[in-house]
Amino acid sequence: MCKKSDIGEKPLLPWLLGMAMATMFSLVYLITPVYLLTAGPCLLLRCPSTTASFYYALPMLISILIPPRCSPFVLRLLRPMLSYFDFEAIYMGDDMVRKEWESG
């Protein structure tokens, strides 16, 4: 059963920082599909002008050209967002899974 946590139990600054990070992720999640669906046709149709459409599509073109890299340091920077969502990792080894399976 999920326990209800109180914001008073946690430090306020990491919680607010996590909320701001989650808000930014949500905005990017909503805006990116619209951007990707409009950048290509805007570049192909040169609308409103060639220069403006190129600058509009430039982030998409750069992300296509640059290969992805693993960034483990980013995970450390996202730790306040885990605090905001009350994230707790529960690790279960094979022995624990077998005991739970046998006990029903």
Protein backbone atom coordinates (compact mmCIF):
# COMPACT_ATOMS: atom_id res chain seq x y z
CA MET A 1 0.00 0.00 0.00
CA CYS A 2 1.29 3.45 -0.81
CA LYS A 3 1.94 5.66 2.15
CA LYS A 4 0.92 9.28 2.07
CA SER A 5 3.90 11.53 2.58
CA ASP A 6 3.80 14.98 3.99
CA ILE A 7 5.83 17.79 2.45
CA GLY A 8 6.78 18.85 5.98
CA GLU A 9 8.91 15.70 6.32
CA LYS A 10 11.29 16.75 3.54
CA PRO A 11 13.53 19.78 3.08
CA LEU A 12 11.62 22.39 1.12
CA LEU A 13 14.37 23.49 -1.32
CA PRO A 14 15.06 20.04 -2.89
CA TRP A 15 11.32 19.43 -3.12
CA LEU A 16 10.74 22.75 -4.93
CA LEU A 17 13.72 22.13 -7.19
CA GLY A 18 12.33 18.69 -8.04
CA MET A 19 8.94 20.21 -8.79
CA ALA A 20 10.55 22.75 -11.15
CA MET A 21 12.49 19.98 -12.91
CA ALA A 22 9.37 17.84 -13.30
CA THR A 23 7.51 20.86 -14.71
CA MET A 24 10.23 21.43 -17.30
CA PHE A 25 10.19 17.75 -18.30
CA SER A 26 6.40 17.92 -18.70
CA LEU A 27 6.59 21.03 -20.88
CA VAL A 28 9.26 19.49 -23.08
CA TYR A 29 7.21 16.29 -23.33
CA LEU A 30 4.23 18.29 -24.59
CA ILE A 31 6.04 20.75 -26.86
CA THR A 32 8.53 18.42 -28.59
CA PRO A 33 6.03 16.46 -30.75
CA VAL A 34 4.50 19.70 -32.04
CA TYR A 35 7.96 21.08 -32.79
CA LEU A 36 9.06 17.92 -34.62
CA LEU A 37 5.87 17.81 -36.68
CA THR A 38 6.24 21.45 -37.74
CA ALA A 39 10.02 21.83 -38.18
CA GLY A 40 10.34 19.47 -41.15
CA PRO A 41 7.49 20.90 -43.25
CA CYS A 42 8.53 24.43 -42.30
CA LEU A 43 12.04 23.73 -43.61
CA LEU A 44 10.80 22.03 -46.79
CA LEU A 45 8.24 24.73 -47.60
CA ARG A 46 10.58 27.57 -46.54
CA CYS A 47 7.84 29.17 -44.56
CA PRO A 48 7.92 32.06 -43.44
CA SER A 49 11.37 32.56 -45.03
CA THR A 50 14.35 30.36 -45.82
CA THR A 51 16.50 31.82 -43.04
CA ALA A 52 13.76 31.73 -40.41
CA SER A 53 12.77 28.15 -41.27
CA PHE A 54 16.42 27.06 -41.13
CA TYR A 55 16.88 28.62 -37.68
CA TYR A 56 13.63 27.04 -36.53
CA ALA A 57 14.71 23.57 -37.70
CA LEU A 58 18.35 23.94 -36.58
CA PRO A 59 17.93 22.20 -33.16
CA MET A 60 16.33 19.23 -34.90
CA LEU A 61 19.11 19.08 -37.49
CA ILE A 62 21.83 19.28 -34.83
CA SER A 63 20.22 16.49 -32.81
CA ILE A 64 20.11 14.32 -35.94
CA LEU A 65 23.80 14.91 -36.70
CA ILE A 66 25.23 14.44 -33.19
CA PRO A 67 25.32 10.83 -31.97
CA PRO A 68 23.85 10.11 -28.53
CA ARG A 69 26.21 9.65 -25.59
CA CYS A 70 25.81 8.12 -22.18
CA SER A 71 25.63 10.80 -19.51
CA PRO A 72 25.71 9.23 -16.05
CA PHE A 73 26.43 12.59 -14.42
CA VAL A 74 22.98 13.78 -15.49
CA LEU A 75 21.42 11.17 -13.22
CA ARG A 76 23.05 12.82 -10.22
CA LEU A 77 21.63 16.17 -11.29
CA LEU A 78 18.10 14.69 -11.48
CA ARG A 79 18.10 13.51 -7.86
CA PRO A 80 15.81 16.35 -6.62
CA MET A 81 13.12 15.18 -9.04
CA LEU A 82 13.18 11.76 -7.38
CA SER A 83 12.65 13.49 -4.04
CA TYR A 84 9.64 15.33 -5.44
CA PHE A 85 8.00 12.08 -6.61
CA ASP A 86 8.83 10.17 -3.37
CA PHE A 87 10.80 7.63 -5.39
CA GLU A 88 12.26 4.71 -3.47
CA ALA A 89 14.16 1.95 -5.21
CA ILE A 90 13.42 -1.54 -3.90
CA TYR A 91 15.93 -4.13 -4.95
CA MET A 92 15.00 -7.77 -4.70
CA GLY A 93 17.53 -10.50 -5.26
CA ASP A 94 16.70 -13.94 -6.61
CA ASP A 95 16.54 -15.35 -3.09
CA MET A 96 13.95 -12.81 -2.00
CA VAL A 97 11.86 -13.45 -5.11
CA ARG A 98 11.95 -17.21 -4.52
CA LYS A 99 10.89 -16.78 -0.88
CA GLU A 100 8.02 -14.53 -1.88
CA TRP A 101 7.00 -16.96 -4.62
CA GLU A 102 7.03 -19.95 -2.24
CA SER A 103 5.13 -18.13 0.51
CA GLY A 104 2.42 -17.08 -1.92
